[in-house]
N, C-alpha and C. Protein backbone atom coordinates (compact mmCIF):
# COMPACT_ATOMS: atom_id res chain seq x y z
N MET A 1 -28.90 -4.19 10.62
CA MET A 1 -28.69 -5.12 11.71
C MET A 1 -29.96 -5.26 12.56
N VAL A 2 -30.63 -4.14 12.82
CA VAL A 2 -31.87 -4.18 13.60
C VAL A 2 -32.94 -4.93 12.85
N VAL A 3 -33.05 -4.69 11.55
CA VAL A 3 -34.06 -5.38 10.74
C VAL A 3 -33.79 -6.88 10.74
N ALA A 4 -32.53 -7.27 10.61
CA ALA A 4 -32.20 -8.69 10.62
C ALA A 4 -32.54 -9.32 11.97
N PHE A 5 -32.31 -8.58 13.06
CA PHE A 5 -32.66 -9.10 14.39
C PHE A 5 -34.17 -9.32 14.50
N ILE A 6 -34.96 -8.35 14.02
CA ILE A 6 -36.42 -8.50 14.07
C ILE A 6 -36.87 -9.66 13.21
N ASP A 7 -36.25 -9.81 12.02
CA ASP A 7 -36.61 -10.93 11.15
C ASP A 7 -36.37 -12.27 11.82
N ASP A 8 -35.28 -12.36 12.60
CA ASP A 8 -34.94 -13.63 13.24
C ASP A 8 -35.89 -13.99 14.38
N HIS A 9 -36.57 -12.99 15.01
CA HIS A 9 -37.37 -13.27 16.20
C HIS A 9 -38.84 -12.88 16.06
N ARG A 10 -39.24 -12.40 14.89
CA ARG A 10 -40.62 -11.92 14.75
C ARG A 10 -41.64 -13.03 14.87
N VAL A 11 -41.27 -14.24 14.43
CA VAL A 11 -42.24 -15.36 14.50
C VAL A 11 -42.52 -15.72 15.95
N ARG A 12 -41.53 -15.63 16.80
CA ARG A 12 -41.70 -16.04 18.20
C ARG A 12 -42.32 -14.94 19.06
N PHE A 13 -41.88 -13.67 18.85
CA PHE A 13 -42.32 -12.61 19.74
C PHE A 13 -43.26 -11.59 19.09
N GLY A 14 -43.21 -11.48 17.76
CA GLY A 14 -44.01 -10.47 17.08
C GLY A 14 -43.21 -9.19 16.88
N VAL A 15 -43.55 -8.43 15.85
CA VAL A 15 -42.81 -7.23 15.49
C VAL A 15 -43.00 -6.13 16.53
N GLU A 16 -44.27 -5.85 16.92
CA GLU A 16 -44.56 -4.74 17.84
C GLU A 16 -43.89 -4.93 19.19
N PRO A 17 -43.97 -6.10 19.84
CA PRO A 17 -43.28 -6.27 21.13
C PRO A 17 -41.75 -6.11 21.02
N ILE A 18 -41.19 -6.60 19.93
CA ILE A 18 -39.74 -6.46 19.76
C ILE A 18 -39.35 -5.00 19.63
N CYS A 19 -40.11 -4.24 18.83
CA CYS A 19 -39.82 -2.82 18.65
C CYS A 19 -39.97 -2.06 19.97
N ARG A 20 -40.97 -2.44 20.79
CA ARG A 20 -41.18 -1.76 22.06
C ARG A 20 -40.01 -2.02 23.02
N VAL A 21 -39.54 -3.25 23.08
CA VAL A 21 -38.43 -3.58 23.96
C VAL A 21 -37.13 -2.90 23.48
N LEU A 22 -36.93 -2.90 22.19
CA LEU A 22 -35.73 -2.24 21.66
C LEU A 22 -35.74 -0.75 21.96
N SER A 23 -36.92 -0.12 21.82
CA SER A 23 -37.03 1.31 22.10
C SER A 23 -36.77 1.61 23.57
N GLU A 24 -37.21 0.71 24.46
CA GLU A 24 -36.96 0.90 25.88
C GLU A 24 -35.48 0.82 26.22
N HIS A 25 -34.72 0.13 25.38
CA HIS A 25 -33.29 -0.02 25.63
C HIS A 25 -32.45 0.92 24.75
N GLY A 26 -33.07 1.95 24.22
CA GLY A 26 -32.33 2.98 23.50
C GLY A 26 -32.23 2.80 22.01
N VAL A 27 -32.77 1.73 21.47
CA VAL A 27 -32.76 1.52 20.02
C VAL A 27 -34.13 1.94 19.49
N GLN A 28 -34.21 3.17 19.00
CA GLN A 28 -35.50 3.71 18.57
C GLN A 28 -35.88 3.15 17.22
N VAL A 29 -36.85 2.26 17.22
CA VAL A 29 -37.38 1.67 15.99
C VAL A 29 -38.88 1.46 16.16
N ALA A 30 -39.63 1.89 15.17
CA ALA A 30 -41.08 1.75 15.21
C ALA A 30 -41.52 0.65 14.25
N PRO A 31 -42.62 -0.03 14.58
CA PRO A 31 -43.12 -1.06 13.66
C PRO A 31 -43.38 -0.53 12.26
N SER A 32 -43.88 0.71 12.17
CA SER A 32 -44.16 1.28 10.85
C SER A 32 -42.86 1.45 10.05
N GLY A 33 -41.78 1.84 10.75
CA GLY A 33 -40.49 1.98 10.08
C GLY A 33 -39.96 0.64 9.60
N TYR A 34 -40.17 -0.39 10.40
CA TYR A 34 -39.73 -1.73 10.00
C TYR A 34 -40.47 -2.20 8.76
N TYR A 35 -41.79 -2.04 8.75
CA TYR A 35 -42.57 -2.48 7.61
C TYR A 35 -42.27 -1.65 6.36
N ALA A 36 -42.01 -0.35 6.56
CA ALA A 36 -41.66 0.49 5.41
C ALA A 36 -40.34 0.06 4.80
N PHE A 37 -39.39 -0.31 5.66
CA PHE A 37 -38.10 -0.77 5.16
C PHE A 37 -38.25 -2.09 4.39
N LYS A 38 -39.06 -2.98 4.91
CA LYS A 38 -39.25 -4.27 4.24
C LYS A 38 -39.96 -4.11 2.90
N ALA A 39 -40.84 -3.08 2.80
CA ALA A 39 -41.59 -2.87 1.56
C ALA A 39 -40.79 -2.08 0.53
N ARG A 40 -39.68 -1.47 0.96
CA ARG A 40 -38.90 -0.64 0.05
C ARG A 40 -38.20 -1.51 -0.99
N LYS A 41 -38.21 -1.04 -2.22
CA LYS A 41 -37.55 -1.78 -3.29
C LYS A 41 -36.03 -1.66 -3.15
N PRO A 42 -35.32 -2.71 -3.50
CA PRO A 42 -33.85 -2.64 -3.42
C PRO A 42 -33.32 -1.56 -4.36
N SER A 43 -32.25 -0.90 -3.95
CA SER A 43 -31.64 0.14 -4.79
C SER A 43 -30.92 -0.50 -5.98
N LYS A 44 -30.65 0.34 -6.99
CA LYS A 44 -29.94 -0.16 -8.17
C LYS A 44 -28.55 -0.65 -7.79
N ARG A 45 -27.92 0.04 -6.84
CA ARG A 45 -26.57 -0.37 -6.43
C ARG A 45 -26.59 -1.73 -5.76
N SER A 46 -27.56 -1.97 -4.87
CA SER A 46 -27.61 -3.26 -4.18
C SER A 46 -27.92 -4.39 -5.16
N LEU A 47 -28.78 -4.12 -6.13
CA LEU A 47 -29.08 -5.14 -7.14
C LEU A 47 -27.85 -5.43 -7.99
N SER A 48 -27.12 -4.37 -8.36
CA SER A 48 -25.91 -4.56 -9.16
C SER A 48 -24.86 -5.31 -8.36
N ASP A 49 -24.70 -4.95 -7.07
CA ASP A 49 -23.73 -5.63 -6.22
C ASP A 49 -24.05 -7.11 -6.10
N ALA A 50 -25.32 -7.42 -5.93
CA ALA A 50 -25.71 -8.82 -5.77
C ALA A 50 -25.42 -9.62 -7.03
N ALA A 51 -25.71 -9.02 -8.19
CA ALA A 51 -25.47 -9.73 -9.45
C ALA A 51 -23.98 -9.92 -9.71
N VAL A 52 -23.21 -8.86 -9.47
CA VAL A 52 -21.77 -8.95 -9.72
C VAL A 52 -21.11 -9.91 -8.73
N TRP A 53 -21.52 -9.86 -7.47
CA TRP A 53 -20.92 -10.75 -6.48
C TRP A 53 -21.24 -12.21 -6.80
N GLU A 54 -22.40 -12.47 -7.31
CA GLU A 54 -22.74 -13.85 -7.70
C GLU A 54 -21.80 -14.36 -8.78
N ARG A 55 -21.47 -13.49 -9.74
CA ARG A 55 -20.54 -13.88 -10.80
C ARG A 55 -19.12 -14.01 -10.26
N ILE A 56 -18.74 -13.13 -9.33
CA ILE A 56 -17.40 -13.22 -8.74
C ILE A 56 -17.22 -14.55 -8.02
N GLU A 57 -18.20 -14.93 -7.23
CA GLU A 57 -18.11 -16.21 -6.51
C GLU A 57 -18.00 -17.37 -7.48
N ALA A 58 -18.77 -17.32 -8.55
CA ALA A 58 -18.75 -18.42 -9.52
C ALA A 58 -17.40 -18.50 -10.23
N ILE A 59 -16.85 -17.35 -10.61
CA ILE A 59 -15.56 -17.35 -11.32
C ILE A 59 -14.44 -17.78 -10.39
N GLN A 60 -14.46 -17.30 -9.14
CA GLN A 60 -13.40 -17.67 -8.21
C GLN A 60 -13.41 -19.16 -7.90
N ALA A 61 -14.60 -19.77 -7.91
CA ALA A 61 -14.71 -21.20 -7.63
C ALA A 61 -14.41 -22.05 -8.85
N ASP A 62 -14.39 -21.45 -10.05
CA ASP A 62 -14.14 -22.18 -11.29
C ASP A 62 -12.67 -22.54 -11.38
N LYS A 63 -12.36 -23.81 -11.52
CA LYS A 63 -10.97 -24.27 -11.55
C LYS A 63 -10.25 -23.87 -12.84
N THR A 64 -11.00 -23.43 -13.85
CA THR A 64 -10.39 -23.02 -15.11
C THR A 64 -10.28 -21.50 -15.23
N LYS A 65 -10.80 -20.77 -14.23
CA LYS A 65 -10.79 -19.30 -14.30
C LYS A 65 -10.10 -18.71 -13.08
N GLY A 66 -10.88 -18.40 -12.05
CA GLY A 66 -10.29 -17.78 -10.87
C GLY A 66 -9.43 -18.71 -10.07
N ARG A 67 -9.81 -19.99 -10.02
CA ARG A 67 -9.05 -21.04 -9.31
C ARG A 67 -8.78 -20.70 -7.85
N GLY A 68 -9.60 -19.80 -7.30
CA GLY A 68 -9.46 -19.46 -5.89
C GLY A 68 -8.29 -18.57 -5.56
N VAL A 69 -7.60 -18.04 -6.57
CA VAL A 69 -6.40 -17.23 -6.30
C VAL A 69 -6.46 -15.86 -6.96
N ALA A 70 -7.51 -15.55 -7.72
CA ALA A 70 -7.56 -14.30 -8.47
C ALA A 70 -7.75 -13.10 -7.56
N GLY A 71 -6.97 -12.05 -7.78
CA GLY A 71 -7.17 -10.78 -7.10
C GLY A 71 -8.19 -9.94 -7.84
N TYR A 72 -8.43 -8.73 -7.35
CA TYR A 72 -9.50 -7.94 -7.95
C TYR A 72 -9.17 -7.51 -9.38
N ARG A 73 -7.91 -7.27 -9.69
CA ARG A 73 -7.56 -6.89 -11.06
C ARG A 73 -7.80 -8.04 -12.02
N LYS A 74 -7.30 -9.22 -11.64
CA LYS A 74 -7.52 -10.40 -12.47
C LYS A 74 -9.01 -10.73 -12.57
N MET A 75 -9.73 -10.59 -11.45
CA MET A 75 -11.17 -10.86 -11.46
C MET A 75 -11.89 -9.90 -12.38
N TRP A 76 -11.48 -8.65 -12.40
CA TRP A 76 -12.11 -7.65 -13.27
C TRP A 76 -11.96 -8.04 -14.74
N HIS A 77 -10.78 -8.53 -15.12
CA HIS A 77 -10.55 -8.97 -16.49
C HIS A 77 -11.36 -10.23 -16.80
N LEU A 78 -11.46 -11.14 -15.85
CA LEU A 78 -12.24 -12.36 -16.06
C LEU A 78 -13.72 -12.03 -16.23
N LEU A 79 -14.21 -11.07 -15.47
CA LEU A 79 -15.61 -10.66 -15.62
C LEU A 79 -15.86 -10.06 -16.99
N LYS A 80 -14.94 -9.21 -17.45
CA LYS A 80 -15.10 -8.63 -18.78
C LYS A 80 -15.06 -9.70 -19.86
N ARG A 81 -14.22 -10.71 -19.66
CA ARG A 81 -14.13 -11.80 -20.63
C ARG A 81 -15.44 -12.57 -20.70
N ASP A 82 -16.17 -12.63 -19.58
CA ASP A 82 -17.47 -13.31 -19.56
C ASP A 82 -18.62 -12.39 -19.91
N GLY A 83 -18.33 -11.15 -20.29
CA GLY A 83 -19.37 -10.23 -20.69
C GLY A 83 -20.05 -9.49 -19.56
N VAL A 84 -19.45 -9.53 -18.36
CA VAL A 84 -20.02 -8.83 -17.20
C VAL A 84 -19.40 -7.44 -17.12
N VAL A 85 -20.22 -6.42 -17.26
CA VAL A 85 -19.74 -5.04 -17.22
C VAL A 85 -19.82 -4.55 -15.77
N ALA A 86 -18.66 -4.29 -15.19
CA ALA A 86 -18.60 -3.82 -13.80
C ALA A 86 -17.34 -3.00 -13.63
N PRO A 87 -17.41 -1.85 -12.95
CA PRO A 87 -16.21 -1.06 -12.70
C PRO A 87 -15.22 -1.83 -11.83
N ARG A 88 -13.96 -1.55 -12.03
CA ARG A 88 -12.93 -2.24 -11.24
C ARG A 88 -13.05 -1.90 -9.76
N CYS A 89 -13.46 -0.63 -9.46
CA CYS A 89 -13.61 -0.25 -8.05
C CYS A 89 -14.73 -1.03 -7.38
N GLN A 90 -15.77 -1.38 -8.14
CA GLN A 90 -16.86 -2.17 -7.56
C GLN A 90 -16.39 -3.59 -7.27
N VAL A 91 -15.62 -4.16 -8.17
CA VAL A 91 -15.09 -5.50 -7.96
C VAL A 91 -14.19 -5.52 -6.73
N ALA A 92 -13.32 -4.51 -6.61
CA ALA A 92 -12.43 -4.44 -5.44
C ALA A 92 -13.23 -4.26 -4.15
N ARG A 93 -14.25 -3.43 -4.19
CA ARG A 93 -15.05 -3.18 -2.98
C ARG A 93 -15.79 -4.43 -2.53
N LEU A 94 -16.37 -5.16 -3.47
CA LEU A 94 -17.13 -6.36 -3.12
C LEU A 94 -16.21 -7.45 -2.58
N MET A 95 -15.05 -7.63 -3.22
CA MET A 95 -14.13 -8.66 -2.74
C MET A 95 -13.59 -8.31 -1.36
N ARG A 96 -13.32 -7.02 -1.15
CA ARG A 96 -12.83 -6.60 0.17
C ARG A 96 -13.92 -6.78 1.24
N ALA A 97 -15.17 -6.44 0.90
CA ALA A 97 -16.26 -6.54 1.86
C ALA A 97 -16.53 -7.99 2.25
N HIS A 98 -16.30 -8.93 1.35
CA HIS A 98 -16.56 -10.34 1.63
C HIS A 98 -15.30 -11.10 2.03
N GLY A 99 -14.20 -10.36 2.23
CA GLY A 99 -12.98 -11.01 2.70
C GLY A 99 -12.30 -11.87 1.67
N MET A 100 -12.52 -11.59 0.39
CA MET A 100 -11.90 -12.38 -0.67
C MET A 100 -10.71 -11.61 -1.24
N GLN A 101 -9.56 -12.25 -1.31
CA GLN A 101 -8.38 -11.62 -1.86
C GLN A 101 -7.57 -12.62 -2.65
N GLY A 102 -6.76 -12.10 -3.55
CA GLY A 102 -5.96 -12.96 -4.38
C GLY A 102 -4.70 -13.40 -3.69
N VAL A 103 -4.04 -14.35 -4.29
CA VAL A 103 -2.78 -14.88 -3.76
C VAL A 103 -1.64 -14.09 -4.38
N VAL A 104 -0.72 -13.59 -3.56
CA VAL A 104 0.43 -12.83 -4.03
C VAL A 104 1.59 -13.78 -4.26
N ARG A 105 2.12 -13.75 -5.48
CA ARG A 105 3.25 -14.62 -5.79
C ARG A 105 4.53 -14.09 -5.17
N GLY A 106 5.40 -15.01 -4.88
CA GLY A 106 6.69 -14.62 -4.33
C GLY A 106 6.61 -14.33 -2.85
N LYS A 107 7.73 -14.02 -2.29
CA LYS A 107 7.79 -13.75 -0.86
C LYS A 107 8.01 -12.26 -0.61
N LYS A 108 7.68 -11.83 0.56
CA LYS A 108 7.89 -10.44 0.93
C LYS A 108 9.32 -10.26 1.43
N PHE A 109 9.86 -9.11 1.11
CA PHE A 109 11.23 -8.82 1.51
C PHE A 109 11.23 -7.68 2.53
N VAL A 110 12.11 -7.77 3.49
CA VAL A 110 12.29 -6.73 4.48
C VAL A 110 13.63 -6.05 4.19
N THR A 111 13.57 -4.78 3.79
CA THR A 111 14.80 -4.09 3.41
C THR A 111 15.51 -3.47 4.60
N THR A 112 14.80 -3.28 5.70
CA THR A 112 15.41 -2.68 6.89
C THR A 112 15.12 -3.53 8.11
N ARG A 113 16.14 -4.00 8.77
CA ARG A 113 15.99 -4.78 10.00
C ARG A 113 16.67 -4.01 11.13
N PRO A 114 15.90 -3.30 11.94
CA PRO A 114 16.51 -2.48 12.99
C PRO A 114 17.17 -3.33 14.06
N ASP A 115 18.27 -2.85 14.55
CA ASP A 115 19.00 -3.51 15.63
C ASP A 115 18.92 -2.59 16.85
N GLY A 116 18.11 -2.98 17.83
CA GLY A 116 17.92 -2.14 19.00
C GLY A 116 19.16 -1.95 19.84
N SER A 117 20.11 -2.87 19.75
CA SER A 117 21.32 -2.77 20.56
C SER A 117 22.41 -1.94 19.89
N ALA A 118 22.25 -1.66 18.59
CA ALA A 118 23.30 -0.92 17.87
C ALA A 118 23.22 0.57 18.20
N PRO A 119 24.34 1.25 18.25
CA PRO A 119 24.33 2.71 18.52
C PRO A 119 23.68 3.45 17.36
N ARG A 120 22.91 4.47 17.67
CA ARG A 120 22.22 5.26 16.65
C ARG A 120 22.92 6.60 16.48
N PRO A 121 23.25 6.95 15.24
CA PRO A 121 23.87 8.27 15.00
C PRO A 121 22.88 9.38 15.34
N PRO A 122 23.35 10.57 15.65
CA PRO A 122 22.44 11.68 15.98
C PRO A 122 21.64 12.13 14.77
N ASP A 123 20.48 12.72 15.04
CA ASP A 123 19.63 13.26 13.99
C ASP A 123 20.17 14.63 13.61
N LEU A 124 20.91 14.69 12.53
CA LEU A 124 21.57 15.93 12.14
C LEU A 124 20.63 16.93 11.48
N VAL A 125 19.47 16.47 11.03
CA VAL A 125 18.54 17.38 10.34
C VAL A 125 17.32 17.71 11.18
N GLY A 126 17.18 17.07 12.34
CA GLY A 126 16.03 17.37 13.19
C GLY A 126 14.70 17.08 12.53
N ARG A 127 14.65 16.06 11.69
CA ARG A 127 13.44 15.66 10.96
C ARG A 127 12.96 16.76 10.01
N ASP A 128 13.85 17.69 9.66
CA ASP A 128 13.50 18.76 8.72
C ASP A 128 14.13 18.43 7.38
N PHE A 129 13.34 17.85 6.48
CA PHE A 129 13.87 17.39 5.20
C PHE A 129 13.70 18.47 4.14
N THR A 130 14.35 19.58 4.37
CA THR A 130 14.38 20.68 3.41
C THR A 130 15.82 21.12 3.23
N ALA A 131 16.08 21.74 2.10
CA ALA A 131 17.43 22.22 1.81
C ALA A 131 17.34 23.53 1.04
N SER A 132 18.28 24.42 1.30
CA SER A 132 18.29 25.73 0.64
C SER A 132 19.28 25.79 -0.51
N ARG A 133 20.04 24.72 -0.71
CA ARG A 133 21.02 24.70 -1.78
C ARG A 133 21.32 23.25 -2.16
N PRO A 134 21.89 23.04 -3.34
CA PRO A 134 22.29 21.68 -3.71
C PRO A 134 23.39 21.16 -2.80
N ASN A 135 23.46 19.85 -2.69
CA ASN A 135 24.52 19.18 -1.92
C ASN A 135 24.52 19.58 -0.46
N GLN A 136 23.34 19.90 0.06
CA GLN A 136 23.21 20.18 1.49
C GLN A 136 22.68 18.96 2.24
N LEU A 137 21.70 18.29 1.64
CA LEU A 137 21.09 17.11 2.26
C LEU A 137 20.76 16.10 1.19
N TRP A 138 21.25 14.88 1.37
CA TRP A 138 20.91 13.76 0.51
C TRP A 138 20.13 12.73 1.34
N ILE A 139 19.14 12.14 0.73
CA ILE A 139 18.40 11.06 1.39
C ILE A 139 18.52 9.80 0.56
N VAL A 140 18.54 8.68 1.23
CA VAL A 140 18.73 7.38 0.58
C VAL A 140 17.54 6.48 0.88
N ASP A 141 17.07 5.81 -0.13
CA ASP A 141 15.99 4.85 0.04
C ASP A 141 16.42 3.53 -0.57
N PHE A 142 15.91 2.45 0.01
CA PHE A 142 16.26 1.10 -0.42
C PHE A 142 14.96 0.35 -0.64
N THR A 143 14.70 -0.09 -1.86
CA THR A 143 13.42 -0.73 -2.16
C THR A 143 13.66 -1.88 -3.13
N TYR A 144 12.58 -2.51 -3.56
CA TYR A 144 12.69 -3.60 -4.53
C TYR A 144 11.53 -3.52 -5.51
N VAL A 145 11.79 -3.97 -6.72
CA VAL A 145 10.80 -3.90 -7.80
C VAL A 145 10.73 -5.26 -8.48
N PRO A 146 9.54 -5.88 -8.60
CA PRO A 146 9.45 -7.15 -9.32
C PRO A 146 9.57 -6.95 -10.82
N THR A 147 10.34 -7.80 -11.48
CA THR A 147 10.51 -7.76 -12.92
C THR A 147 10.30 -9.16 -13.47
N TRP A 148 10.23 -9.26 -14.80
CA TRP A 148 10.06 -10.57 -15.41
C TRP A 148 11.26 -11.47 -15.16
N ALA A 149 12.42 -10.86 -14.97
CA ALA A 149 13.64 -11.64 -14.73
C ALA A 149 13.86 -11.94 -13.26
N GLY A 150 12.99 -11.45 -12.39
CA GLY A 150 13.14 -11.66 -10.96
C GLY A 150 13.05 -10.35 -10.20
N MET A 151 13.40 -10.38 -8.94
CA MET A 151 13.31 -9.20 -8.10
C MET A 151 14.57 -8.33 -8.26
N ALA A 152 14.34 -7.04 -8.45
CA ALA A 152 15.45 -6.09 -8.57
C ALA A 152 15.48 -5.21 -7.33
N PHE A 153 16.57 -5.27 -6.61
CA PHE A 153 16.74 -4.45 -5.41
C PHE A 153 17.49 -3.18 -5.80
N THR A 154 16.96 -2.04 -5.40
CA THR A 154 17.49 -0.75 -5.84
C THR A 154 17.67 0.19 -4.67
N ALA A 155 18.82 0.84 -4.62
CA ALA A 155 19.09 1.90 -3.66
C ALA A 155 19.23 3.20 -4.43
N LEU A 156 18.60 4.26 -3.93
CA LEU A 156 18.59 5.55 -4.61
C LEU A 156 19.09 6.64 -3.67
N VAL A 157 19.85 7.57 -4.19
CA VAL A 157 20.30 8.75 -3.46
C VAL A 157 19.69 9.97 -4.15
N LYS A 158 18.96 10.77 -3.39
CA LYS A 158 18.29 11.94 -3.97
C LYS A 158 18.73 13.21 -3.26
N ASP A 159 19.03 14.23 -4.05
CA ASP A 159 19.34 15.54 -3.51
C ASP A 159 18.02 16.22 -3.12
N VAL A 160 17.87 16.57 -1.86
CA VAL A 160 16.60 17.12 -1.37
C VAL A 160 16.27 18.45 -2.05
N PHE A 161 17.29 19.26 -2.34
CA PHE A 161 17.04 20.59 -2.91
C PHE A 161 16.45 20.49 -4.32
N SER A 162 17.08 19.71 -5.18
CA SER A 162 16.66 19.63 -6.58
C SER A 162 15.73 18.46 -6.87
N ARG A 163 15.59 17.54 -5.89
CA ARG A 163 14.82 16.32 -6.08
C ARG A 163 15.42 15.41 -7.16
N ARG A 164 16.64 15.64 -7.48
CA ARG A 164 17.30 14.85 -8.50
C ARG A 164 17.92 13.61 -7.90
N ILE A 165 17.80 12.49 -8.60
CA ILE A 165 18.48 11.27 -8.18
C ILE A 165 19.91 11.34 -8.67
N VAL A 166 20.82 11.44 -7.74
CA VAL A 166 22.23 11.64 -8.09
C VAL A 166 23.03 10.36 -8.02
N GLY A 167 22.46 9.31 -7.46
CA GLY A 167 23.16 8.04 -7.39
C GLY A 167 22.19 6.89 -7.24
N TRP A 168 22.51 5.77 -7.82
CA TRP A 168 21.64 4.59 -7.70
C TRP A 168 22.48 3.32 -7.90
N ARG A 169 21.91 2.25 -7.43
CA ARG A 169 22.58 0.94 -7.58
C ARG A 169 21.50 -0.12 -7.56
N THR A 170 21.57 -1.04 -8.52
CA THR A 170 20.58 -2.10 -8.64
C THR A 170 21.30 -3.45 -8.65
N HIS A 171 20.67 -4.42 -7.96
CA HIS A 171 21.30 -5.75 -7.86
C HIS A 171 20.18 -6.79 -7.76
N HIS A 172 20.52 -8.03 -8.13
CA HIS A 172 19.52 -9.10 -8.04
C HIS A 172 19.45 -9.68 -6.63
N ARG A 173 20.38 -9.29 -5.77
CA ARG A 173 20.35 -9.67 -4.37
C ARG A 173 20.21 -8.42 -3.50
N MET A 174 20.20 -8.59 -2.19
CA MET A 174 20.01 -7.47 -1.28
C MET A 174 21.21 -7.36 -0.33
N PRO A 175 22.39 -7.06 -0.85
CA PRO A 175 23.55 -6.94 0.04
C PRO A 175 23.51 -5.65 0.84
N THR A 176 24.16 -5.66 1.98
CA THR A 176 24.20 -4.47 2.83
C THR A 176 24.93 -3.33 2.14
N GLU A 177 25.86 -3.64 1.26
CA GLU A 177 26.66 -2.60 0.61
C GLU A 177 25.89 -1.84 -0.46
N LEU A 178 24.69 -2.25 -0.81
CA LEU A 178 23.97 -1.63 -1.92
C LEU A 178 23.75 -0.13 -1.72
N PRO A 179 23.22 0.32 -0.56
CA PRO A 179 23.08 1.77 -0.36
C PRO A 179 24.42 2.51 -0.35
N LEU A 180 25.45 1.86 0.15
CA LEU A 180 26.78 2.49 0.16
C LEU A 180 27.31 2.64 -1.26
N ASP A 181 27.03 1.66 -2.12
CA ASP A 181 27.45 1.77 -3.51
C ASP A 181 26.71 2.92 -4.20
N ALA A 182 25.43 3.10 -3.88
CA ALA A 182 24.67 4.21 -4.46
C ALA A 182 25.24 5.54 -4.00
N LEU A 183 25.66 5.62 -2.73
CA LEU A 183 26.27 6.84 -2.22
C LEU A 183 27.60 7.11 -2.91
N GLU A 184 28.37 6.06 -3.15
CA GLU A 184 29.63 6.24 -3.86
C GLU A 184 29.39 6.77 -5.27
N MET A 185 28.34 6.29 -5.93
CA MET A 185 28.02 6.79 -7.26
C MET A 185 27.63 8.26 -7.22
N ALA A 186 26.84 8.65 -6.20
CA ALA A 186 26.44 10.06 -6.07
C ALA A 186 27.66 10.95 -5.89
N LEU A 187 28.61 10.52 -5.09
CA LEU A 187 29.82 11.30 -4.88
C LEU A 187 30.62 11.41 -6.17
N TRP A 188 30.67 10.32 -6.93
CA TRP A 188 31.41 10.33 -8.20
C TRP A 188 30.74 11.26 -9.20
N VAL A 189 29.39 11.22 -9.26
CA VAL A 189 28.65 12.09 -10.19
C VAL A 189 28.90 13.55 -9.87
N ARG A 190 28.82 13.93 -8.59
CA ARG A 190 29.06 15.31 -8.20
C ARG A 190 30.51 15.72 -8.45
N GLU A 191 31.43 14.78 -8.26
CA GLU A 191 32.84 15.09 -8.50
C GLU A 191 33.08 15.36 -9.98
N ARG A 192 32.48 14.54 -10.84
CA ARG A 192 32.62 14.74 -12.28
C ARG A 192 32.04 16.08 -12.71
N ALA A 193 31.02 16.56 -11.98
CA ALA A 193 30.42 17.86 -12.29
C ALA A 193 31.14 19.01 -11.60
N CYS A 194 32.27 18.73 -10.96
CA CYS A 194 33.06 19.75 -10.26
C CYS A 194 32.25 20.47 -9.18
N GLN A 195 31.43 19.72 -8.44
CA GLN A 195 30.64 20.30 -7.37
C GLN A 195 31.23 19.89 -6.02
N ASP A 196 31.31 20.85 -5.13
CA ASP A 196 31.87 20.61 -3.81
C ASP A 196 30.80 19.99 -2.91
N VAL A 197 31.08 18.84 -2.35
CA VAL A 197 30.12 18.15 -1.49
C VAL A 197 30.57 18.16 -0.03
N THR A 198 31.47 19.03 0.30
CA THR A 198 31.94 19.12 1.68
C THR A 198 30.79 19.51 2.60
N GLY A 199 30.58 18.72 3.65
CA GLY A 199 29.54 19.03 4.63
C GLY A 199 28.17 18.50 4.28
N VAL A 200 28.02 17.81 3.16
CA VAL A 200 26.71 17.25 2.81
C VAL A 200 26.28 16.23 3.87
N VAL A 201 25.01 16.25 4.23
CA VAL A 201 24.47 15.30 5.21
C VAL A 201 23.74 14.20 4.45
N HIS A 202 24.09 12.97 4.75
CA HIS A 202 23.47 11.80 4.12
C HIS A 202 22.53 11.17 5.13
N HIS A 203 21.25 11.10 4.80
CA HIS A 203 20.24 10.57 5.73
C HIS A 203 19.57 9.35 5.11
N SER A 204 19.43 8.30 5.91
CA SER A 204 18.75 7.10 5.44
C SER A 204 18.19 6.35 6.64
N ASP A 205 17.53 5.22 6.35
CA ASP A 205 17.03 4.35 7.42
C ASP A 205 18.16 3.61 8.12
N TYR A 206 19.31 3.59 7.51
CA TYR A 206 20.40 2.76 8.01
C TYR A 206 21.41 3.56 8.82
N ALA A 207 21.63 4.80 8.40
CA ALA A 207 22.60 5.63 9.11
C ALA A 207 22.37 7.07 8.71
N GLU A 208 22.79 7.95 9.56
CA GLU A 208 22.73 9.38 9.25
C GLU A 208 24.03 9.98 9.75
N VAL A 209 24.83 10.38 8.81
CA VAL A 209 26.15 10.85 9.18
C VAL A 209 26.46 12.13 8.43
N GLY A 210 27.29 12.96 9.01
CA GLY A 210 27.83 14.09 8.28
C GLY A 210 28.86 13.54 7.32
N ALA A 211 28.54 13.60 6.04
CA ALA A 211 29.37 12.92 5.05
C ALA A 211 30.70 13.64 4.89
N LYS A 212 31.75 12.93 5.17
CA LYS A 212 33.09 13.42 4.86
C LYS A 212 33.63 12.43 3.85
N PRO A 213 33.11 12.51 2.62
CA PRO A 213 33.17 11.42 1.67
C PRO A 213 34.50 10.70 1.59
N ARG A 214 35.44 11.37 1.00
CA ARG A 214 36.75 10.73 0.95
C ARG A 214 37.83 11.74 1.30
N ASN A 215 37.38 12.92 1.74
CA ASN A 215 38.28 13.98 2.18
C ASN A 215 39.37 14.24 1.13
N ARG A 216 38.93 14.32 -0.10
CA ARG A 216 39.93 14.59 -1.13
C ARG A 216 39.48 15.79 -1.95
N ARG A 217 40.40 16.43 -2.58
CA ARG A 217 40.09 17.62 -3.36
C ARG A 217 39.40 17.20 -4.65
N LEU A 218 38.33 17.88 -4.98
CA LEU A 218 37.62 17.56 -6.19
C LEU A 218 38.33 18.18 -7.39
N ALA A 219 38.45 17.37 -8.41
CA ALA A 219 39.14 17.86 -9.60
C ALA A 219 38.25 17.69 -10.81
N CYS A 220 38.24 18.66 -11.69
CA CYS A 220 37.43 18.56 -12.90
C CYS A 220 38.06 17.54 -13.84
N PRO A 221 37.21 16.81 -14.57
CA PRO A 221 37.77 15.82 -15.50
C PRO A 221 38.43 16.52 -16.70
């Protein structure tokens, strides 16, 4: 930045006066340092960055290639197709540094919409997500995964002790009942295994309750 400032004003004021004024204001720069920097040969990395960025700009502007929408992964493949050897991390770094990004298809989904006016259940675990035995604490997550057939919304129930997914539910829409259906599956799976789930705590972004599932006696199949 200092070198660029001197380059912009050296014709009008001269290098030595500019360096003297900058030094008086706390920016320590000597004329010899400025000239040494200007005489220094560019590094291999800067030369490589310049060459790769030139190709990235050309490909992104090409209506038959990047079309102005390619992200760094697509750009990396397009560069390889044109015979340009460059690491993917370099392509991502250059595009990020120059503010170039690809277009993301589809819309973003919000799986949790907090309601500030709704009553909040108490924190039964005190933010301590550990368990000393199975069926002590279950956690639920609600996410979505893009597929070729469209977006798949999935709710998962995981036993904190074993890290096992004990219940899940997938749907092409995002109904409110999806996490509850996953919880019902987890209860059914544990019931089929003749495991007592009395007192299990179910924790999620939506609710945290001491699960009293269906208050019925578990019977082996």
